[in-house]
Protein backbone atom coordinates (compact mmCIF):
# COMPACT_ATOMS: atom_id res chain seq x y z
CA MET A 1 84.15 -71.98 97.86
CA MET A 2 80.50 -72.15 98.99
CA PRO A 3 79.43 -69.04 96.97
CA VAL A 4 80.44 -71.01 93.88
CA LEU A 5 79.22 -74.48 94.88
CA LEU A 6 75.72 -73.41 95.96
CA PRO A 7 74.61 -71.94 92.54
CA LEU A 8 76.34 -74.83 90.77
CA SER A 9 74.38 -77.31 92.92
CA TYR A 10 71.15 -75.50 92.21
CA ALA A 11 71.87 -75.47 88.40
CA LEU A 12 72.62 -79.23 88.43
CA GLY A 13 69.44 -79.90 90.35
CA ALA A 14 67.50 -77.84 87.78
CA LEU A 15 68.52 -80.04 84.91
CA PRO A 16 65.45 -82.14 83.89
CA LEU A 17 67.56 -85.18 83.02
CA GLY A 18 64.78 -87.75 83.48
CA TYR A 19 62.42 -85.71 81.30
CA TRP A 20 65.03 -85.40 78.56
CA LEU A 21 65.77 -89.12 78.71
CA ALA A 22 62.10 -90.04 78.39
CA ARG A 23 61.54 -87.65 75.50
CA ARG A 24 64.48 -89.17 73.61
CA ARG A 25 62.82 -92.57 74.13
CA GLY A 26 59.48 -91.18 72.87
CA VAL A 27 57.75 -91.50 76.25
CA ASP A 28 55.36 -88.88 77.61
CA LEU A 29 56.14 -88.63 81.30
CA ARG A 30 52.66 -87.22 81.97
CA THR A 31 51.27 -90.71 81.41
CA ALA A 32 54.03 -92.40 83.43
CA SER A 33 54.50 -90.14 86.40
CA PRO A 34 55.21 -91.90 89.71
CA TYR A 35 54.14 -88.69 91.49
CA THR A 36 50.68 -88.31 90.06
CA LEU A 37 49.85 -91.87 88.96
CA GLY A 38 51.99 -94.07 91.24
CA LEU A 39 55.28 -95.95 91.08
CA GLU A 40 53.72 -99.03 89.47
CA THR A 41 52.44 -96.87 86.62
CA ALA A 42 55.94 -95.59 85.91
CA LEU A 43 57.38 -99.12 85.96
CA ARG A 44 54.72 -100.48 83.63
CA ARG A 45 54.79 -97.56 81.19
CA LEU A 46 58.53 -96.89 81.15
CA GLY A 47 59.84 -100.36 81.87
CA LEU A 48 62.30 -101.26 84.63
CA GLY A 49 65.37 -100.25 82.69
CA LEU A 50 64.23 -96.71 81.78
CA THR A 51 62.68 -96.11 85.21
CA LEU A 52 65.86 -97.21 86.93
CA LEU A 53 68.02 -95.07 84.64
CA ALA A 54 65.90 -91.97 85.27
CA PHE A 55 66.08 -92.68 88.99
CA LEU A 56 69.89 -93.06 88.84
CA LEU A 57 70.21 -89.73 87.01
CA ASP A 58 68.23 -88.00 89.79
CA PHE A 59 70.36 -89.86 92.38
CA ALA A 60 73.51 -88.53 90.67
CA LYS A 61 72.16 -84.97 90.79
CA GLY A 62 71.84 -85.26 94.53
CA TYR A 63 75.08 -87.15 95.17
CA LEU A 64 77.64 -85.37 93.01
CA PRO A 65 77.58 -81.89 94.64
CA LEU A 66 77.97 -83.44 98.08
CA ALA A 67 80.73 -85.81 96.87
CA LEU A 68 82.58 -82.79 95.47
CA GLY A 69 82.08 -80.92 98.75
CA ARG A 70 83.42 -83.82 100.77
CA GLY A 71 86.45 -83.97 98.52
CA LEU A 72 87.05 -80.31 99.29
CA GLY A 73 86.85 -80.96 103.00
CA LEU A 74 83.44 -79.35 103.73
CA GLY A 75 81.65 -80.13 106.97
CA VAL A 76 78.20 -81.63 107.42
CA GLU A 77 76.48 -78.25 107.64
CA GLU A 78 78.01 -77.02 104.36
CA LEU A 79 77.13 -80.37 102.70
CA LEU A 80 73.53 -80.10 103.83
CA ALA A 81 73.40 -76.58 102.38
CA LEU A 82 74.51 -78.04 99.04
CA GLY A 83 71.81 -80.71 99.43
CA VAL A 84 69.14 -78.08 100.03
CA ALA A 85 70.38 -76.14 96.97
CA VAL A 86 70.30 -79.14 94.61
CA TYR A 87 66.87 -80.17 95.87
CA LEU A 88 65.53 -76.64 95.41
CA GLY A 89 66.84 -76.66 91.81
CA HIS A 90 65.03 -79.96 91.20
CA LEU A 91 61.77 -78.71 92.64
CA TYR A 92 61.85 -75.21 91.15
CA PRO A 93 63.94 -75.33 87.95
CA LEU A 94 63.67 -71.70 86.91
CA PHE A 95 65.81 -72.10 83.84
CA PHE A 96 63.89 -75.15 82.54
CA ARG A 97 60.34 -74.36 83.59
CA ASP A 98 58.77 -74.51 80.12
CA PRO A 99 60.02 -77.96 79.02
CA TRP A 100 59.30 -79.46 82.45
CA PRO A 101 55.53 -79.74 82.76
CA LEU A 102 55.45 -82.00 85.84
CA ARG A 103 55.81 -80.93 89.45
CA ALA A 104 58.79 -83.24 90.27
CA LYS A 105 59.11 -84.49 93.82
CA GLY A 106 62.75 -85.72 93.74
CA ALA A 107 62.87 -88.99 95.75
CA GLY A 108 65.98 -89.97 93.77
CA VAL A 109 67.63 -86.57 94.53
CA LEU A 110 66.89 -86.96 98.23
CA LEU A 111 68.43 -90.42 98.27
CA GLY A 112 71.52 -89.02 96.48
CA VAL A 113 71.82 -86.27 99.08
CA LEU A 114 71.55 -88.86 101.84
CA ALA A 115 74.30 -91.01 100.25
CA GLY A 116 76.59 -87.96 99.95
CA LEU A 117 76.44 -87.10 103.62
CA PRO A 118 79.22 -88.29 105.95
CA LEU A 119 76.98 -90.45 108.12
CA GLU A 120 77.89 -93.68 109.85
CA PRO A 121 76.34 -96.66 108.07
CA ALA A 122 73.97 -97.35 110.98
CA TRP A 123 72.68 -93.77 110.95
CA GLY A 124 72.55 -93.67 107.13
CA MET A 125 70.28 -96.73 106.98
CA VAL A 126 67.63 -95.21 109.24
CA PRO A 127 66.04 -92.96 106.55
CA VAL A 128 66.15 -95.76 103.97
CA ALA A 129 64.59 -98.25 106.36
CA LEU A 130 61.87 -95.78 107.37
CA GLY A 131 61.03 -95.08 103.70
CA LEU A 132 60.84 -98.76 102.81
CA ALA A 133 58.75 -99.51 105.91
CA LEU A 134 56.22 -96.76 105.13
CA TYR A 135 55.88 -97.92 101.53
CA ALA A 136 55.49 -101.57 102.54
CA LEU A 137 52.98 -100.86 105.35
CA THR A 138 50.78 -98.34 103.49
CA GLY A 139 51.34 -99.08 99.80
CA TYR A 140 51.88 -95.37 99.07
CA ALA A 141 55.09 -94.55 97.24
CA SER A 142 54.70 -90.91 98.26
CA LEU A 143 54.84 -91.81 102.00
CA GLY A 144 57.85 -93.99 101.32
CA ALA A 145 59.61 -91.08 99.61
CA LEU A 146 58.75 -88.73 102.50
CA GLY A 147 60.30 -91.26 104.88
CA LEU A 148 63.76 -90.34 103.52
CA PRO A 149 63.91 -86.67 104.63
CA LEU A 150 61.89 -87.45 107.75
CA GLY A 151 64.35 -90.14 108.77
CA LEU A 152 67.32 -87.89 107.97
CA PHE A 153 65.84 -85.12 110.11
CA GLY A 154 65.41 -87.54 112.95
CA VAL A 155 69.01 -88.71 112.66
CA LEU A 156 70.27 -85.12 112.67
CA LEU A 157 68.01 -84.14 115.53
CA PHE A 158 68.97 -86.96 117.88
CA GLY A 159 72.40 -87.87 116.59
CA GLY A 160 74.43 -85.08 118.24
CA PHE A 161 74.87 -82.99 115.11
CA PRO A 162 75.39 -79.21 115.12
CA LEU A 163 72.35 -76.90 115.32
CA GLY A 164 72.92 -75.65 111.77
CA ALA A 165 72.76 -79.23 110.46
CA LYS A 166 69.46 -79.82 112.32
CA VAL A 167 67.93 -76.68 110.87
CA LEU A 168 69.01 -77.57 107.30
CA GLY A 169 67.73 -81.11 107.77
CA GLY A 170 64.39 -79.70 108.96
CA LEU A 171 64.29 -77.41 105.96
CA LEU A 172 64.89 -80.31 103.57
CA PHE A 173 62.01 -82.22 105.18
CA LEU A 174 59.68 -79.20 105.02
CA LEU A 175 60.50 -78.70 101.32
CA ALA A 176 59.65 -82.35 100.63
CA LEU A 177 56.53 -82.14 102.77
CA TRP A 178 55.33 -79.07 100.84
CA ARG A 179 55.99 -80.72 97.51
CA TYR A 180 54.16 -83.87 98.53
CA LYS A 181 51.20 -82.00 99.99
CA GLU A 182 48.99 -82.92 97.05
CA ASN A 183 49.78 -86.61 97.49
CA LEU A 184 49.03 -86.36 101.19
CA GLY A 185 45.74 -84.69 100.44
CA ARG A 186 44.79 -87.47 98.05
CA ILE A 187 45.74 -90.05 100.67
CA LEU A 188 43.31 -88.42 103.07
CA GLU A 189 40.61 -88.45 100.36
CA GLY A 190 41.31 -92.07 99.35
CA THR A 191 42.22 -91.23 95.75
CA GLU A 192 46.01 -91.62 95.81
CA PRO A 193 47.28 -94.65 93.77
CA ARG A 194 48.75 -97.34 95.98
CA LEU A 195 50.60 -100.60 95.56
CA GLY A 196 48.40 -103.06 93.67
CA SER A 197 45.83 -100.51 92.48
CA PRO A 198 44.59 -100.71 88.85
CA LEU A 199 46.40 -98.34 86.55
CA PRO A 200 44.50 -95.03 86.42
CA LEU A 201 45.20 -94.66 82.67
CA PRO A 202 43.20 -95.06 79.45
CA SER A 203 43.11 -98.60 78.02
CA GLN A 204 40.82 -100.74 75.92
CA ARG A 205 38.66 -101.43 78.94
CA GLN A 206 39.00 -98.11 80.77
CA VAL A 207 38.28 -94.49 79.83
CA VAL A 208 39.90 -91.69 81.89
CA CYS A 209 38.66 -88.11 81.90
CA ALA A 210 38.70 -85.19 84.36
CA PHE A 211 36.21 -82.61 85.46
CA LEU A 212 36.98 -79.16 86.88
CA ILE A 213 34.69 -78.20 89.79
CA HIS A 214 34.57 -75.47 92.43
CA PRO A 215 32.88 -75.00 95.84
CA LEU A 216 29.42 -73.48 95.57
CA THR A 217 29.49 -72.27 99.17
CA VAL A 218 32.11 -72.14 101.91
CA GLU A 219 30.59 -75.30 103.36
CA ASP A 220 31.85 -77.19 100.29
CA PHE A 221 35.42 -76.51 101.37
CA TRP A 222 34.95 -78.91 104.26
CA GLN A 223 34.06 -81.86 102.00
CA SER A 224 37.75 -82.44 101.51
CA PRO A 225 39.52 -84.00 104.55
CA ARG A 226 42.57 -81.87 103.85
CA PHE A 227 40.56 -78.73 104.69
CA ARG A 228 38.08 -80.14 107.23
CA TRP A 229 40.28 -79.29 110.23
CA ALA A 230 39.53 -75.57 109.62
CA ARG A 231 35.75 -75.93 109.94
CA PRO A 232 35.66 -75.56 113.77
CA LEU A 233 37.81 -72.43 113.50
CA VAL A 234 35.17 -70.86 111.25
CA ARG A 235 32.33 -71.82 113.57
CA LEU A 236 34.21 -70.25 116.48
CA GLY A 237 34.76 -67.08 114.52
CA LEU A 238 38.55 -67.50 114.58
CA LEU A 239 38.71 -67.85 110.74
CA LYS A 240 36.60 -65.42 108.73
CA GLN A 241 35.10 -66.17 105.35
CA ALA A 242 36.97 -63.22 103.81
CA TRP A 243 40.28 -64.81 104.89
CA ILE A 244 39.26 -68.17 103.44
CA GLU A 245 38.44 -66.53 100.12
CA ARG A 246 41.78 -64.77 100.01
CA LEU A 247 43.62 -68.02 100.78
CA ALA A 248 41.57 -69.84 98.09
CA GLU A 249 42.85 -67.45 95.47
CA LEU A 250 46.37 -68.68 96.21
CA PHE A 251 45.64 -72.40 95.74
CA ARG A 252 46.47 -74.10 92.46
CA PRO A 253 44.00 -76.71 91.19
CA MET A 254 44.15 -80.02 92.98
CA LYS A 255 42.55 -83.45 92.63
CA VAL A 256 39.90 -83.75 95.38
CA GLY A 257 37.91 -86.80 94.35
CA GLU A 258 36.79 -89.24 91.69
CA VAL A 259 33.71 -90.61 90.06
CA ARG A 260 34.10 -94.37 90.11
CA GLY A 261 32.17 -97.49 89.09
CA VAL A 262 30.80 -96.08 85.80
CA ARG A 263 30.32 -98.95 83.40
CA THR A 264 28.95 -98.23 79.94
CA ALA A 265 26.49 -100.51 78.17
CA ASP A 266 29.39 -101.92 76.06
CA GLY A 267 31.34 -102.91 79.20
CA ARG A 268 33.92 -100.17 79.51
CA GLU A 269 34.85 -98.52 82.80
CA VAL A 270 34.95 -94.73 83.07
CA LEU A 271 37.21 -93.13 85.66
CA CYS A 272 36.78 -89.37 86.19
CA HIS A 273 39.17 -87.31 88.27
CA LEU A 274 37.47 -84.42 90.08
CA ILE A 275 39.79 -81.43 90.09
CA SER A 276 39.03 -78.33 92.13
CA ALA A 277 40.43 -74.84 92.01
CA PRO A 278 38.73 -73.63 95.21
CA LEU A 279 37.27 -70.34 94.00
CA LEU A 280 33.66 -69.48 94.93
CA PRO A 281 31.24 -68.48 92.12
CA HIS A 282 31.46 -64.76 92.85
CA GLN A 283 35.29 -64.94 92.84
CA ILE A 284 35.29 -66.59 89.42
CA LYS A 285 33.06 -63.88 88.01
CA ALA A 286 34.88 -61.01 89.75
CA LYS A 287 38.40 -62.08 88.78
CA PRO A 288 38.17 -63.47 85.22
CA GLU A 289 41.95 -63.48 84.52
CA LEU A 290 42.65 -65.42 87.72
CA ALA A 291 39.81 -67.82 86.80
CA VAL A 292 41.28 -68.39 83.32
CA ARG A 293 44.74 -69.05 84.81
CA ARG A 294 43.32 -71.55 87.29
CA ALA A 295 41.26 -73.29 84.57
CA ILE A 296 44.38 -73.63 82.44
CA GLN A 297 46.33 -75.05 85.38
CA GLY A 298 43.46 -77.48 86.02
CA ALA A 299 43.56 -78.71 82.42
CA ARG A 300 47.33 -79.26 82.69
CA LEU A 301 46.82 -81.27 85.87
CA ALA A 302 44.16 -83.34 84.13
CA LYS A 303 46.68 -84.18 81.42
CA GLU A 304 49.28 -85.12 84.02
CA LEU A 305 46.70 -87.47 85.58
CA GLY A 306 46.31 -89.26 82.27
CA ALA A 307 42.94 -87.86 81.23
CA THR A 308 42.14 -87.45 77.55
CA VAL A 309 39.32 -84.92 78.09
CA VAL A 310 38.72 -82.33 80.75
CA GLY A 311 35.27 -80.85 81.32
CA LEU A 312 34.59 -77.38 82.73
CA GLY A 313 31.90 -77.61 85.34
CA ALA A 314 29.53 -74.98 86.79
CA PHE A 315 31.12 -71.52 86.50
CA TRP A 316 34.28 -72.85 84.93
CA SER A 317 32.13 -73.48 81.84
CA VAL A 318 31.93 -69.73 81.09
CA VAL A 319 35.60 -68.93 81.83
CA GLY A 320 37.93 -67.91 79.02
CA GLU A 321 35.34 -67.43 76.29
CA LYS A 322 33.56 -70.59 77.46
CA GLY A 323 36.68 -72.71 77.33
CA ARG A 324 38.31 -71.44 74.12
CA ARG A 325 41.27 -69.82 75.83
CA VAL A 326 41.80 -72.87 78.00
CA GLN A 327 41.95 -75.14 74.96
CA GLU A 328 44.34 -72.79 73.17
CA ALA A 329 46.66 -72.74 76.20
CA VAL A 330 46.58 -76.55 76.70
CA PRO A 331 46.23 -78.03 73.19
CA ASP A 332 47.37 -81.53 74.21
CA ILE A 333 44.15 -82.35 76.07
CA GLU A 334 40.55 -81.94 74.82
CA VAL A 335 38.48 -79.30 76.65
CA THR A 336 34.70 -79.09 76.73
CA ASN A 337 32.25 -76.82 78.50
CA GLY A 338 29.47 -79.42 78.29
CA GLY A 339 26.95 -77.18 76.54
CA ALA A 340 25.82 -79.62 73.87
CA TYR A 341 24.68 -82.45 76.11
CA THR A 342 23.31 -79.97 78.66
CA ALA A 343 21.11 -78.59 75.89
CA GLY A 344 20.27 -82.16 74.91
CA THR A 345 19.13 -83.12 78.40
CA VAL A 346 16.89 -80.05 78.50
CA LYS A 347 15.48 -80.90 75.11
CA ALA A 348 14.84 -84.45 76.27
CA ALA A 349 13.28 -83.45 79.60
CA ILE A 350 10.92 -80.71 78.49
CA PRO A 351 8.36 -82.85 76.65
CA GLY A 352 7.94 -84.94 79.78
CA ILE A 353 7.56 -81.87 81.97
CA LEU A 354 4.96 -80.37 79.59
CA ALA A 355 3.10 -83.66 79.43
CA HIS A 356 2.93 -83.93 83.23
CA PHE A 357 1.89 -80.29 83.43
CA ALA A 358 -0.93 -80.89 80.95
CA GLN A 359 -2.01 -84.01 82.85
CA SER A 360 -2.49 -81.84 85.95
CA GLY A 361 -5.46 -80.25 84.15
CA LYS A 362 -3.76 -77.25 82.62
CA ASP A 363 -4.27 -76.21 79.00
CA LEU A 364 -0.89 -75.37 77.47
CA ARG A 365 -2.54 -73.19 74.81
CA ASN A 366 -3.82 -70.91 77.53
CA THR A 367 -0.69 -71.10 79.65
CA THR A 368 1.78 -68.31 80.30
CA ALA A 369 5.37 -69.56 80.37
CA ALA A 370 8.54 -67.64 81.25
CA VAL A 371 12.21 -68.24 80.43
CA VAL A 372 14.80 -66.60 82.70
CA GLY A 373 18.30 -66.13 81.30
CA ALA A 374 17.00 -66.02 77.72
CA ASN A 375 20.16 -64.24 76.51
CA GLY A 376 21.99 -67.54 77.01
CA VAL A 377 22.24 -70.40 74.53
CA VAL A 378 20.58 -73.03 76.70
CA ALA A 379 17.72 -70.80 77.93
CA PHE A 380 16.91 -69.48 74.46
CA GLY A 381 16.95 -73.08 73.17
CA ILE A 382 14.20 -73.78 75.77
CA ALA A 383 12.28 -70.74 74.52
CA ARG A 384 12.38 -72.04 70.95
CA GLN A 385 11.18 -75.42 72.08
CA ILE A 386 8.21 -74.31 74.20
CA ALA A 387 7.11 -71.22 72.19
CA PRO A 388 4.88 -73.13 69.74
CA LEU A 389 3.10 -74.95 72.55
CA VAL A 390 2.10 -72.17 74.95
CA GLY A 391 -0.25 -69.23 74.70
CA ARG A 392 2.14 -66.54 76.02
CA LEU A 393 5.92 -66.46 76.49
CA ILE A 394 7.90 -64.07 78.71
CA LEU A 395 11.62 -63.79 77.95
CA VAL A 396 13.73 -62.49 80.83
CA GLY A 397 17.37 -61.46 80.35
CA ARG A 398 19.93 -58.77 81.15
CA ASP A 399 20.47 -57.42 77.64
CA ARG A 400 17.16 -56.07 76.40
CA GLU A 401 18.44 -55.16 72.95
CA ARG A 402 19.65 -58.72 72.30
CA LEU A 403 16.42 -60.07 73.75
CA GLU A 404 14.36 -57.99 71.31
CA LYS A 405 16.37 -59.28 68.38
CA SER A 406 16.04 -62.90 69.55
CA ALA A 407 12.32 -62.44 70.17
CA GLU A 408 11.78 -60.92 66.74
CA SER A 409 13.60 -63.82 65.12
CA LEU A 410 11.48 -66.28 67.09
CA ARG A 411 8.22 -64.50 66.13
CA LYS A 412 9.05 -64.58 62.43
CA ASN A 413 9.93 -68.27 62.57
CA LEU A 414 6.68 -69.11 64.29
CA GLU A 415 4.57 -66.97 61.97
CA ARG A 416 5.98 -68.86 58.98
CA LYS A 417 4.67 -72.03 60.59
CA GLY A 418 1.28 -70.46 61.33
CA GLN A 419 1.92 -70.25 65.09
CA ALA A 420 1.83 -66.84 66.81
CA PRO A 421 1.94 -66.91 70.63
CA GLU A 422 2.32 -63.61 72.42
CA ILE A 423 6.01 -62.96 73.24
CA GLN A 424 7.01 -60.40 75.89
CA VAL A 425 10.58 -59.22 76.57
CA THR A 426 11.74 -57.85 79.93
CA THR A 427 14.79 -57.41 82.15
CA GLU A 428 12.71 -57.65 85.33
CA VAL A 429 12.54 -61.08 86.99
CA ALA A 430 9.35 -59.97 88.80
CA ALA A 431 7.52 -60.35 85.47
CA ILE A 432 7.52 -64.17 85.88
CA ARG A 433 4.85 -63.88 88.61
CA GLU A 434 2.32 -64.06 85.80
CA ALA A 435 3.72 -67.41 84.61
CA ASP A 436 2.38 -70.88 85.36
CA LEU A 437 5.50 -72.44 83.90
CA VAL A 438 9.00 -71.07 84.51
CA PHE A 439 12.25 -72.29 82.95
CA THR A 440 15.48 -70.76 84.21
CA ALA A 441 19.09 -71.25 83.10
CA THR A 442 21.37 -68.35 84.13
CA SER A 443 25.05 -68.10 85.00
CA ASP A 444 24.42 -66.02 88.08
CA PRO A 445 26.36 -67.14 91.20
CA ASN A 446 23.41 -66.27 93.44
CA PRO A 447 19.69 -67.18 93.29
CA VAL A 448 17.65 -64.92 91.02
CA ILE A 449 14.16 -66.24 91.79
CA TYR A 450 12.64 -65.61 95.21
CA PRO A 451 9.13 -66.23 96.66
CA GLU A 452 7.91 -62.75 95.70
CA HIS A 453 8.63 -63.52 92.04
CA VAL A 454 6.64 -66.75 91.91
CA LYS A 455 2.96 -67.42 91.33
CA PRO A 456 1.39 -69.98 93.71
CA GLY A 457 1.06 -73.32 91.97
CA ALA A 458 3.72 -72.57 89.36
CA TRP A 459 6.08 -75.27 88.03
CA ILE A 460 9.77 -74.18 87.84
CA TYR A 461 12.42 -76.05 85.87
CA ASP A 462 15.80 -74.91 87.24
CA GLU A 463 18.77 -75.51 84.94
CA GLY A 464 21.09 -73.07 86.82
CA VAL A 465 24.27 -74.19 88.59
CA PRO A 466 24.34 -72.99 91.30
CA PRO A 467 20.49 -73.15 91.41
CA ASP A 468 18.69 -70.03 90.22
CA VAL A 469 15.79 -70.71 92.63
CA HIS A 470 16.19 -69.76 96.25
CA PRO A 471 15.28 -72.63 98.66
CA SER A 472 12.51 -70.51 100.22
CA VAL A 473 10.58 -70.64 96.93
CA ARG A 474 9.56 -74.22 97.80
CA GLU A 475 7.46 -72.80 100.62
CA VAL A 476 5.17 -71.00 98.18
CA PRO A 477 1.86 -72.99 98.13
CA GLY A 478 1.68 -75.44 95.23
CA VAL A 479 5.05 -74.52 93.71
CA ARG A 480 7.00 -77.42 92.20
CA VAL A 481 10.78 -76.96 91.59
CA ILE A 482 12.34 -79.41 89.14
CA PRO A 483 16.17 -79.59 88.89
CA GLY A 484 17.42 -79.68 85.29
CA GLY A 485 20.42 -81.03 83.44
CA VAL A 486 20.83 -84.07 85.76
CA VAL A 487 22.02 -87.40 84.38
CA ARG A 488 22.12 -90.83 86.07
CA LEU A 489 25.33 -92.67 85.27
CA PRO A 490 25.39 -96.29 84.12
CA GLY A 491 26.80 -99.04 86.30
CA ARG A 492 27.43 -98.75 90.05
CA ALA A 493 28.64 -95.19 89.79
CA LYS A 494 29.52 -93.15 92.81
CA ALA A 495 31.14 -89.72 93.24
CA THR A 496 33.44 -89.47 96.28
CA LEU A 497 32.16 -85.91 96.80
CA ASP A 498 28.64 -84.54 97.10
CA LEU A 499 28.12 -82.82 93.76
CA HIS A 500 24.67 -81.59 94.91
CA PHE A 501 22.65 -83.50 92.28
CA GLY A 502 20.54 -85.66 94.54
CA ALA A 503 22.38 -89.00 94.57
CA PRO A 504 25.97 -90.30 94.29
CA ASP A 505 25.25 -91.64 90.75
CA GLN A 506 23.65 -88.42 89.48
CA VAL A 507 25.83 -85.76 87.86
CA PRO A 508 25.44 -82.61 85.77
CA ALA A 509 25.05 -83.11 82.06
CA CYS A 510 28.34 -81.33 81.35
CA LEU A 511 30.19 -84.00 83.33
CA ALA A 512 28.29 -86.72 81.44
CA GLU A 513 29.33 -85.03 78.15
CA THR A 514 32.96 -85.20 79.27
CA MET A 515 32.63 -88.94 79.90
CA ILE A 516 30.88 -89.57 76.59
CA LEU A 517 33.52 -87.61 74.69
CA ALA A 518 36.27 -89.67 76.28
CA ALA A 519 34.44 -92.93 75.64
CA GLU A 520 33.60 -92.21 71.99
CA GLU A 521 36.76 -90.21 71.22
CA ALA A 522 34.49 -87.89 69.23
CA PHE A 523 36.60 -84.88 70.02
CA ASP A 524 35.25 -82.87 67.08
CA ARG A 525 31.91 -82.82 68.99
CA LYS A 526 33.27 -81.02 72.07
CA SER A 527 31.53 -77.84 73.21
CA LEU A 528 33.65 -74.69 73.10
CA GLY A 529 32.54 -71.05 72.95
CA GLY A 530 28.93 -69.97 72.88
CA GLU A 531 27.87 -71.90 69.78
CA VAL A 532 26.07 -75.20 70.21
CA LYS A 533 25.41 -77.09 66.98
CA ALA A 534 22.15 -78.98 66.61
CA GLU A 535 23.93 -82.03 65.19
CA ASN A 536 26.19 -82.15 68.29
CA ILE A 537 23.17 -81.98 70.61
CA GLN A 538 21.61 -84.88 68.79
CA PHE A 539 24.88 -86.84 68.84
CA PHE A 540 25.17 -86.67 72.65
CA VAL A 541 21.51 -87.51 73.13
CA GLU A 542 21.85 -90.62 70.96
CA ARG A 543 25.27 -91.77 72.29
CA ALA A 544 24.22 -91.17 75.88
CA GLU A 545 21.25 -93.47 75.44
CA ALA A 546 23.37 -96.11 73.73
CA LEU A 547 25.96 -96.06 76.52
CA GLY A 548 23.38 -96.20 79.30
CA PHE A 549 23.27 -92.56 80.53
CA LYS A 550 19.76 -91.60 81.60
CA VAL A 551 18.31 -88.09 81.91
CA VAL A 552 16.68 -87.57 85.33
CA GLU A 553 13.29 -85.88 84.92
């Protein structure tokens, strides 16, 4: 009988009944998920009746196989095996994977399994009481749900049940613990919704977006409390960096923090979920297909969290044809690589930098300037902006042929305006040692500018993320390194993670573009691919100023 009942139990568990019910009622469960946004969100978005009905359907999935098994005279071990099978079906519905976008946790299924077991009432109430106590004491619905399998395991462990029952009860708890690991991580980081928290969803007064980040170095892994325990193992040499990198490639994207307290000039709050797929820069570049897959998963998670826009930060911005493939794979959320406002912040900052440089006693007309990464859109935009103002311009890039074409186009444009600075093209970074002013904006995961490349007294504007300038460059006499593309957020903004931009309220321009897009709902202005339109750059510069975003010079 068991060879028949086990697959039937799995198949019943795999039926996404709650999802189908919500779809028939016209409700998108991604904006009402008790597992990603909290139980109160589900109640307010679905209503008590629909939430209760969806819960009862899950309860029935867990209860019916065990009720049938009891009717057939099966023992507690066999019944628990059916419970594990139905729960596995609910967690990993192979036959219904495509129409089921959410990672269901199955609290209703667990309660149904508990109700179907032949336990004495006193023993049966222990898991329920533990779940309710955890929810009441902590405010976290996820901890309350975990109390059910934990309490059941305790009953089986200490209640004189057979060894097989104890093992299956432990397996049920471990399955639940694994599925709730993301919620537990968010509890550690202080970003899990709890009883009484404001709804983390878009409204007239609140804008919700998400931003995909990654660690710049191994040290960034330890910012998250869920990984911090491993730091001493690394320092003791028990855990090697190569092992960490291999493990990181197995992790799906996860929410690791938030940017909170952003209030625009017109009074709206902006909540930004920080989502990390923990790949280091060199891993993203070396494994492009894995990077695209993780970026797509990150965009899907952003949608589940209620975001209307997801931004691709740092090296994610160049993944999948600079976001195009991500947008095609996840069409129900807007995707941006942040290029337009990044270019806008550069455009806004450069006049001030040049003015300060001139005030230091330097004549721009006799100054040699260099642009590193000039094959890129942002860097070549800098070249166009400064070329008419300096005496000599050095363009540094990897593709000499493309550089020559770009330089020729720039020369012709300047000659038509009666301006003709000397323009030099090279693939050697060492050429910038002749420059008094250096602007750099590459997508290299490692520094490209070292002390031997830099002229003493030079000013360097570093737009690279991670930085293009090695920290040792600051030791060169008179050198001034200016970080670029940094924006100060309006209100009492604070990121829960160190984003490496100098202060908790300072973020990269690409993140600010994500917030502005969400606030203005100007989704036709999003940045995708390599093209950045001048009118979109101007749009973000103007709207940023109106909303209270300030470029940090």
